[in-house]
């Protein structure tokens, strides 16, 4: 296997950031799709419980991005830590 200088917590941080931004993109797409349906159809196609899903998507995305940022901020450049 090739040797690399990416530590385990850095890999986890990058994976969390990728998942968070992907989830944010999914939430943004869903929000724009729902608003487009509301504007074009002129009737409420989503209502009630379905509208509660969008803040949940944005919240999960924000938490994943924050956790990824915390994992990446723990990286100490130039230190010889083997962990």
PDB file of N, CA and C in Angstrom:
ATOM      1  N   UNK A   1       0.825  -1.182   0.000  1.00  0.00           N
ATOM      2  CA  UNK A   1       0.000   0.000   0.000  1.00  0.00           C
ATOM      3  C   UNK A   1       0.871   1.247   0.000  1.00  0.00           C
ATOM      4  N   UNK A   2       0.397   2.286  -0.626  1.00  0.00           N
ATOM      5  CA  UNK A   2       1.151   3.535  -0.685  1.00  0.00           C
ATOM      6  C   UNK A   2       1.115   4.235   0.664  1.00  0.00           C
ATOM      7  N   UNK A   3       2.225   4.834   1.009  1.00  0.00           N
ATOM      8  CA  UNK A   3       2.304   5.556   2.265  1.00  0.00           C
ATOM      9  C   UNK A   3       1.768   6.969   2.065  1.00  0.00           C
ATOM     10  N   UNK A   4       0.990   7.431   2.991  1.00  0.00           N
ATOM     11  CA  UNK A   4       0.428   8.780   2.905  1.00  0.00           C
ATOM     12  C   UNK A   4       0.519   9.442   4.270  1.00  0.00           C
ATOM     13  N   UNK A   5       0.356  10.744   4.273  1.00  0.00           N
ATOM     14  CA  UNK A   5       0.470  11.476   5.528  1.00  0.00           C
ATOM     15  C   UNK A   5      -0.899  11.927   6.060  1.00  0.00           C
ATOM     16  N   UNK A   6      -1.954  11.292   5.623  1.00  0.00           N
ATOM     17  CA  UNK A   6      -3.297  11.623   6.072  1.00  0.00           C
ATOM     18  C   UNK A   6      -3.620  10.750   7.283  1.00  0.00           C
ATOM     19  N   UNK A   7      -3.847  11.384   8.413  1.00  0.00           N
ATOM     20  CA  UNK A   7      -4.131  10.641   9.630  1.00  0.00           C
ATOM     21  C   UNK A   7      -5.604  10.265   9.691  1.00  0.00           C
ATOM     22  N   UNK A   8      -5.910   9.363  10.588  1.00  0.00           N
ATOM     23  CA  UNK A   8      -7.269   8.833  10.673  1.00  0.00           C
ATOM     24  C   UNK A   8      -8.282   9.924  10.977  1.00  0.00           C
ATOM     25  N   UNK A   9      -7.999  10.815  11.919  1.00  0.00           N
ATOM     26  CA  UNK A   9      -8.977  11.848  12.258  1.00  0.00           C
ATOM     27  C   UNK A   9      -9.131  12.869  11.132  1.00  0.00           C
ATOM     28  N   UNK A  10      -8.084  13.070  10.331  1.00  0.00           N
ATOM     29  CA  UNK A  10      -8.216  13.948   9.172  1.00  0.00           C
ATOM     30  C   UNK A  10      -9.106  13.307   8.109  1.00  0.00           C
ATOM     31  N   UNK A  11      -8.948  12.007   7.908  1.00  0.00           N
ATOM     32  CA  UNK A  11      -9.808  11.315   6.956  1.00  0.00           C
ATOM     33  C   UNK A  11     -11.261  11.358   7.411  1.00  0.00           C
ATOM     34  N   UNK A  12     -11.496  11.149   8.691  1.00  0.00           N
ATOM     35  CA  UNK A  12     -12.862  11.227   9.230  1.00  0.00           C
ATOM     36  C   UNK A  12     -13.408  12.640   9.071  1.00  0.00           C
ATOM     37  N   UNK A  13     -12.578  13.647   9.302  1.00  0.00           N
ATOM     38  CA  UNK A  13     -13.006  15.031   9.131  1.00  0.00           C
ATOM     39  C   UNK A  13     -13.392  15.348   7.697  1.00  0.00           C
ATOM     40  N   UNK A  14     -12.568  14.895   6.750  1.00  0.00           N
ATOM     41  CA  UNK A  14     -12.894  15.126   5.341  1.00  0.00           C
ATOM     42  C   UNK A  14     -14.165  14.380   4.945  1.00  0.00           C
ATOM     43  N   UNK A  15     -14.334  13.161   5.439  1.00  0.00           N
ATOM     44  CA  UNK A  15     -15.541  12.392   5.120  1.00  0.00           C
ATOM     45  C   UNK A  15     -16.779  13.069   5.702  1.00  0.00           C
ATOM     46  N   UNK A  16     -16.681  13.597   6.921  1.00  0.00           N
ATOM     47  CA  UNK A  16     -17.817  14.297   7.522  1.00  0.00           C
ATOM     48  C   UNK A  16     -18.140  15.583   6.770  1.00  0.00           C
ATOM     49  N   UNK A  17     -17.112  16.310   6.357  1.00  0.00           N
ATOM     50  CA  UNK A  17     -17.356  17.526   5.582  1.00  0.00           C
ATOM     51  C   UNK A  17     -18.016  17.190   4.239  1.00  0.00           C
ATOM     52  N   UNK A  18     -17.550  16.146   3.577  1.00  0.00           N
ATOM     53  CA  UNK A  18     -18.147  15.744   2.311  1.00  0.00           C
ATOM     54  C   UNK A  18     -19.605  15.339   2.504  1.00  0.00           C
ATOM     55  N   UNK A  19     -19.868  14.538   3.534  1.00  0.00           N
ATOM     56  CA  UNK A  19     -21.242  14.115   3.797  1.00  0.00           C
ATOM     57  C   UNK A  19     -22.121  15.308   4.160  1.00  0.00           C
ATOM     58  N   UNK A  20     -21.595  16.254   4.932  1.00  0.00           N
ATOM     59  CA  UNK A  20     -22.367  17.425   5.323  1.00  0.00           C
ATOM     60  C   UNK A  20     -22.718  18.308   4.140  1.00  0.00           C
ATOM     61  N   UNK A  21     -21.758  18.572   3.282  1.00  0.00           N
ATOM     62  CA  UNK A  21     -22.047  19.418   2.121  1.00  0.00           C
ATOM     63  C   UNK A  21     -22.926  18.692   1.099  1.00  0.00           C
ATOM     64  N   UNK A  22     -22.792  17.369   1.001  1.00  0.00           N
ATOM     65  CA  UNK A  22     -23.692  16.613   0.131  1.00  0.00           C
ATOM     66  C   UNK A  22     -25.117  16.653   0.673  1.00  0.00           C
ATOM     67  N   UNK A  23     -25.263  16.517   1.976  1.00  0.00           N
ATOM     68  CA  UNK A  23     -26.583  16.577   2.602  1.00  0.00           C
ATOM     69  C   UNK A  23     -27.178  17.976   2.464  1.00  0.00           C
ATOM     70  N   UNK A  24     -26.339  18.998   2.570  1.00  0.00           N
ATOM     71  CA  UNK A  24     -26.807  20.377   2.367  1.00  0.00           C
ATOM     72  C   UNK A  24     -27.292  20.567   0.933  1.00  0.00           C
ATOM     73  N   UNK A  25     -26.575  20.025  -0.031  1.00  0.00           N
ATOM     74  CA  UNK A  25     -27.001  20.116  -1.420  1.00  0.00           C
ATOM     75  C   UNK A  25     -28.315  19.391  -1.653  1.00  0.00           C
ATOM     76  N   UNK A  26     -28.477  18.246  -1.017  1.00  0.00           N
ATOM     77  CA  UNK A  26     -29.736  17.514  -1.121  1.00  0.00           C
ATOM     78  C   UNK A  26     -30.885  18.323  -0.524  1.00  0.00           C
ATOM     79  N   UNK A  27     -30.659  18.960   0.607  1.00  0.00           N
ATOM     80  CA  UNK A  27     -31.691  19.785   1.240  1.00  0.00           C
ATOM     81  C   UNK A  27     -32.029  21.001   0.386  1.00  0.00           C
ATOM     82  N   UNK A  28     -31.022  21.628  -0.186  1.00  0.00           N
ATOM     83  CA  UNK A  28     -31.252  22.779  -1.051  1.00  0.00           C
ATOM     84  C   UNK A  28     -32.034  22.378  -2.298  1.00  0.00           C
ATOM     85  N   UNK A  29     -31.686  21.233  -2.881  1.00  0.00           N
ATOM     86  CA  UNK A  29     -32.408  20.736  -4.044  1.00  0.00           C
ATOM     87  C   UNK A  29     -33.869  20.452  -3.693  1.00  0.00           C
ATOM     88  N   UNK A  30     -34.105  19.815  -2.568  1.00  0.00           N
ATOM     89  CA  UNK A  30     -35.471  19.515  -2.158  1.00  0.00           C
ATOM     90  C   UNK A  30     -36.281  20.765  -1.892  1.00  0.00           C
ATOM     91  N   UNK A  31     -35.659  21.762  -1.288  1.00  0.00           N
ATOM     92  CA  UNK A  31     -36.353  23.017  -1.019  1.00  0.00           C
ATOM     93  C   UNK A  31     -36.716  23.727  -2.315  1.00  0.00           C
ATOM     94  N   UNK A  32     -35.770  23.802  -3.239  1.00  0.00           N
ATOM     95  CA  UNK A  32     -36.052  24.471  -4.509  1.00  0.00           C
ATOM     96  C   UNK A  32     -37.072  23.703  -5.345  1.00  0.00           C
ATOM     97  N   UNK A  33     -37.040  22.389  -5.297  1.00  0.00           N
ATOM     98  CA  UNK A  33     -38.017  21.597  -6.018  1.00  0.00           C
ATOM     99  C   UNK A  33     -39.422  21.804  -5.451  1.00  0.00           C
ATOM    100  N   UNK A  34     -39.523  21.831  -4.123  1.00  0.00           N
ATOM    101  CA  UNK A  34     -40.836  22.033  -3.498  1.00  0.00           C
ATOM    102  C   UNK A  34     -41.365  23.435  -3.774  1.00  0.00           C
ATOM    103  N   UNK A  35     -40.502  24.436  -3.707  1.00  0.00           N
ATOM    104  CA  UNK A  35     -40.970  25.798  -3.975  1.00  0.00           C
ATOM    105  C   UNK A  35     -41.356  25.967  -5.443  1.00  0.00           C
ATOM    106  N   UNK A  36     -40.650  25.301  -6.341  1.00  0.00           N
ATOM    107  CA  UNK A  36     -40.992  25.370  -7.749  1.00  0.00           C
ATOM    108  C   UNK A  36     -42.353  24.722  -8.003  1.00  0.00           C
ATOM    109  N   UNK A  37     -42.609  23.582  -7.338  1.00  0.00           N
ATOM    110  CA  UNK A  37     -43.912  22.947  -7.482  1.00  0.00           C
ATOM    111  C   UNK A  37     -45.021  23.844  -6.948  1.00  0.00           C
ATOM    112  N   UNK A  38     -44.752  24.529  -5.845  1.00  0.00           N
ATOM    113  CA  UNK A  38     -45.768  25.425  -5.287  1.00  0.00           C
ATOM    114  C   UNK A  38     -46.043  26.606  -6.217  1.00  0.00           C
ATOM    115  N   UNK A  39     -44.995  27.137  -6.840  1.00  0.00           N
ATOM    116  CA  UNK A  39     -45.183  28.297  -7.709  1.00  0.00           C
ATOM    117  C   UNK A  39     -45.844  27.932  -9.041  1.00  0.00           C
ATOM    118  N   UNK A  40     -45.455  26.806  -9.614  1.00  0.00           N
ATOM    119  CA  UNK A  40     -45.976  26.458 -10.928  1.00  0.00           C
ATOM    120  C   UNK A  40     -47.373  25.847 -10.869  1.00  0.00           C
ATOM    121  N   UNK A  41     -47.656  25.047  -9.866  1.00  0.00           N
ATOM    122  CA  UNK A  41     -48.947  24.377  -9.810  1.00  0.00           C
ATOM    123  C   UNK A  41     -50.019  25.262  -9.191  1.00  0.00           C
ATOM    124  N   UNK A  42     -49.592  26.241  -8.406  1.00  0.00           N
ATOM    125  CA  UNK A  42     -50.504  27.182  -7.760  1.00  0.00           C
ATOM    126  C   UNK A  42     -51.455  26.497  -6.788  1.00  0.00           C
ATOM    127  N   UNK A  43     -51.128  25.268  -6.382  1.00  0.00           N
ATOM    128  CA  UNK A  43     -51.862  24.584  -5.325  1.00  0.00           C
ATOM    129  C   UNK A  43     -50.833  24.000  -4.371  1.00  0.00           C
ATOM    130  N   UNK A  44     -51.147  23.907  -3.119  1.00  0.00           N
ATOM    131  CA  UNK A  44     -50.162  23.378  -2.162  1.00  0.00           C
ATOM    132  C   UNK A  44     -49.994  21.861  -2.305  1.00  0.00           C
ATOM    133  N   UNK A  45     -48.903  21.445  -2.901  1.00  0.00           N
ATOM    134  CA  UNK A  45     -48.637  20.019  -3.047  1.00  0.00           C
ATOM    135  C   UNK A  45     -47.895  19.454  -1.844  1.00  0.00           C
ATOM    136  N   UNK A  46     -47.233  20.316  -1.088  1.00  0.00           N
ATOM    137  CA  UNK A  46     -46.611  19.866   0.149  1.00  0.00           C
ATOM    138  C   UNK A  46     -47.220  20.679   1.276  1.00  0.00           C
ATOM    139  N   UNK A  47     -47.441  20.060   2.370  1.00  0.00           N
ATOM    140  CA  UNK A  47     -48.029  20.767   3.502  1.00  0.00           C
ATOM    141  C   UNK A  47     -47.754  19.960   4.768  1.00  0.00           C
ATOM    142  N   UNK A  48     -47.902  20.628   5.885  1.00  0.00           N
ATOM    143  CA  UNK A  48     -47.847  19.947   7.178  1.00  0.00           C
ATOM    144  C   UNK A  48     -46.523  19.312   7.496  1.00  0.00           C
ATOM    145  N   UNK A  49     -46.546  18.004   7.643  1.00  0.00           N
ATOM    146  CA  UNK A  49     -45.365  17.274   8.097  1.00  0.00           C
ATOM    147  C   UNK A  49     -44.214  17.303   7.100  1.00  0.00           C
ATOM    148  N   UNK A  50     -44.519  17.389   5.831  1.00  0.00           N
ATOM    149  CA  UNK A  50     -43.440  17.395   4.837  1.00  0.00           C
ATOM    150  C   UNK A  50     -42.584  18.651   4.936  1.00  0.00           C
ATOM    151  N   UNK A  51     -43.173  19.765   5.342  1.00  0.00           N
ATOM    152  CA  UNK A  51     -42.396  20.997   5.490  1.00  0.00           C
ATOM    153  C   UNK A  51     -41.443  20.920   6.675  1.00  0.00           C
ATOM    154  N   UNK A  52     -41.700  20.034   7.622  1.00  0.00           N
ATOM    155  CA  UNK A  52     -40.803  19.873   8.766  1.00  0.00           C
ATOM    156  C   UNK A  52     -39.537  19.109   8.405  1.00  0.00           C
ATOM    157  N   UNK A  53     -39.515  18.467   7.240  1.00  0.00           N
ATOM    158  CA  UNK A  53     -38.333  17.715   6.848  1.00  0.00           C
ATOM    159  C   UNK A  53     -37.178  18.611   6.422  1.00  0.00           C
ATOM    160  N   UNK A  54     -37.477  19.755   5.836  1.00  0.00           N
ATOM    161  CA  UNK A  54     -36.402  20.600   5.323  1.00  0.00           C
ATOM    162  C   UNK A  54     -35.512  21.165   6.422  1.00  0.00           C
ATOM    163  N   UNK A  55     -36.046  21.676   7.542  1.00  0.00           N
ATOM    164  CA  UNK A  55     -35.131  22.089   8.614  1.00  0.00           C
ATOM    165  C   UNK A  55     -34.324  20.930   9.185  1.00  0.00           C
ATOM    166  N   UNK A  56     -34.904  19.737   9.160  1.00  0.00           N
ATOM    167  CA  UNK A  56     -34.171  18.566   9.614  1.00  0.00           C
ATOM    168  C   UNK A  56     -32.970  18.291   8.710  1.00  0.00           C
ATOM    169  N   UNK A  57     -33.162  18.405   7.394  1.00  0.00           N
ATOM    170  CA  UNK A  57     -32.051  18.206   6.463  1.00  0.00           C
ATOM    171  C   UNK A  57     -30.960  19.253   6.665  1.00  0.00           C
ATOM    172  N   UNK A  58     -31.352  20.504   6.804  1.00  0.00           N
ATOM    173  CA  UNK A  58     -30.364  21.561   7.018  1.00  0.00           C
ATOM    174  C   UNK A  58     -29.656  21.397   8.364  1.00  0.00           C
ATOM    175  N   UNK A  59     -30.386  20.965   9.362  1.00  0.00           N
ATOM    176  CA  UNK A  59     -29.782  20.757  10.679  1.00  0.00           C
ATOM    177  C   UNK A  59     -28.757  19.647  10.678  1.00  0.00           C
ATOM    178  N   UNK A  60     -29.089  18.529  10.043  1.00  0.00           N
ATOM    179  CA  UNK A  60     -28.133  17.415   9.952  1.00  0.00           C
ATOM    180  C   UNK A  60     -26.907  17.833   9.160  1.00  0.00           C
ATOM    181  N   UNK A  61     -27.113  18.581   8.083  1.00  0.00           N
ATOM    182  CA  UNK A  61     -25.974  19.057   7.289  1.00  0.00           C
ATOM    183  C   UNK A  61     -25.079  19.965   8.122  1.00  0.00           C
ATOM    184  N   UNK A  62     -25.677  20.866   8.884  1.00  0.00           N
ATOM    185  CA  UNK A  62     -24.884  21.762   9.729  1.00  0.00           C
ATOM    186  C   UNK A  62     -24.102  21.018  10.790  1.00  0.00           C
ATOM    187  N   UNK A  63     -24.713  20.006  11.386  1.00  0.00           N
ATOM    188  CA  UNK A  63     -24.016  19.223  12.412  1.00  0.00           C
ATOM    189  C   UNK A  63     -22.856  18.447  11.805  1.00  0.00           C
ATOM    190  N   UNK A  64     -23.062  17.832  10.649  1.00  0.00           N
ATOM    191  CA  UNK A  64     -21.977  17.083  10.006  1.00  0.00           C
ATOM    192  C   UNK A  64     -20.822  18.001   9.613  1.00  0.00           C
ATOM    193  N   UNK A  65     -21.138  19.180   9.103  1.00  0.00           N
ATOM    194  CA  UNK A  65     -20.088  20.128   8.726  1.00  0.00           C
ATOM    195  C   UNK A  65     -19.332  20.597   9.962  1.00  0.00           C
ATOM    196  N   UNK A  66     -20.052  20.861  11.046  1.00  0.00           N
ATOM    197  CA  UNK A  66     -19.386  21.300  12.280  1.00  0.00           C
ATOM    198  C   UNK A  66     -18.490  20.209  12.850  1.00  0.00           C
ATOM    199  N   UNK A  67     -18.961  18.963  12.850  1.00  0.00           N
ATOM    200  CA  UNK A  67     -18.126  17.866  13.338  1.00  0.00           C
ATOM    201  C   UNK A  67     -16.889  17.675  12.464  1.00  0.00           C
ATOM    202  N   UNK A  68     -17.054  17.805  11.158  1.00  0.00           N
ATOM    203  CA  UNK A  68     -15.904  17.693  10.262  1.00  0.00           C
ATOM    204  C   UNK A  68     -14.901  18.803  10.489  1.00  0.00           C
ATOM    205  N   UNK A  69     -15.394  20.007  10.748  1.00  0.00           N
ATOM    206  CA  UNK A  69     -14.501  21.130  11.026  1.00  0.00           C
ATOM    207  C   UNK A  69     -13.737  20.905  12.327  1.00  0.00           C
ATOM    208  N   UNK A  70     -14.403  20.362  13.325  1.00  0.00           N
ATOM    209  CA  UNK A  70     -13.734  20.079  14.599  1.00  0.00           C
ATOM    210  C   UNK A  70     -12.646  19.032  14.398  1.00  0.00           C
ATOM    211  N   UNK A  71     -12.946  17.989  13.643  1.00  0.00           N
ATOM    212  CA  UNK A  71     -11.935  16.954  13.393  1.00  0.00           C
ATOM    213  C   UNK A  71     -10.738  17.515  12.640  1.00  0.00           C
ATOM    214  N   UNK A  72     -10.966  18.410  11.687  1.00  0.00           N
ATOM    215  CA  UNK A  72      -9.852  18.960  10.925  1.00  0.00           C
ATOM    216  C   UNK A  72      -9.086  20.014  11.709  1.00  0.00           C
ATOM    217  N   UNK A  73      -9.734  20.692  12.633  1.00  0.00           N
ATOM    218  CA  UNK A  73      -9.028  21.715  13.406  1.00  0.00           C
ATOM    219  C   UNK A  73      -8.119  21.092  14.458  1.00  0.00           C
ATOM    220  N   UNK A  74      -8.316  19.822  14.778  1.00  0.00           N
ATOM    221  CA  UNK A  74      -7.467  19.151  15.741  1.00  0.00           C
ATOM    222  C   UNK A  74      -6.122  18.757  15.144  1.00  0.00           C
ATOM    223  N   UNK A  75      -5.978  18.857  13.833  1.00  0.00           N
ATOM    224  CA  UNK A  75      -4.729  18.483  13.182  1.00  0.00           C
ATOM    225  C   UNK A  75      -3.652  19.512  13.516  1.00  0.00           C
ATOM    226  N   UNK A  76      -2.539  19.035  13.999  1.00  0.00           N
ATOM    227  CA  UNK A  76      -1.418  19.900  14.337  1.00  0.00           C
ATOM    228  C   UNK A  76      -0.343  19.771  13.265  1.00  0.00           C
ATOM    229  N   UNK A  77      -0.189  20.755  12.418  1.00  0.00           N
ATOM    230  CA  UNK A  77       0.805  20.629  11.346  1.00  0.00           C
ATOM    231  C   UNK A  77       2.224  20.659  11.889  1.00  0.00           C
ATOM    232  N   UNK A  78       3.080  19.790  11.358  1.00  0.00           N
ATOM    233  CA  UNK A  78       4.484  19.782  11.725  1.00  0.00           C
ATOM    234  C   UNK A  78       4.809  18.963  12.953  1.00  0.00           C
ATOM    235  N   UNK A  79       3.811  18.391  13.615  1.00  0.00           N
ATOM    236  CA  UNK A  79       4.076  17.581  14.795  1.00  0.00           C
ATOM    237  C   UNK A  79       4.253  16.122  14.384  1.00  0.00           C
ATOM    238  N   UNK A  80       5.103  15.432  15.047  1.00  0.00           N
ATOM    239  CA  UNK A  80       5.376  14.038  14.723  1.00  0.00           C
ATOM    240  C   UNK A  80       4.480  13.074  15.465  1.00  0.00           C
ATOM    241  N   UNK A  81       3.215  13.352  15.540  1.00  0.00           N
ATOM    242  CA  UNK A  81       2.272  12.514  16.277  1.00  0.00           C
ATOM    243  C   UNK A  81       1.908  11.279  15.461  1.00  0.00           C
ATOM    244  N   UNK A  82       2.038  10.120  16.080  1.00  0.00           N
ATOM    245  CA  UNK A  82       1.626   8.865  15.440  1.00  0.00           C
ATOM    246  C   UNK A  82       0.436   8.328  16.219  1.00  0.00           C
ATOM    247  N   UNK A  83      -0.772   8.511  15.680  1.00  0.00           N
ATOM    248  CA  UNK A  83      -1.944   8.090  16.443  1.00  0.00           C
ATOM    249  C   UNK A  83      -2.866   7.242  15.774  1.00  0.00           C
TER     250      UNK A  83
END
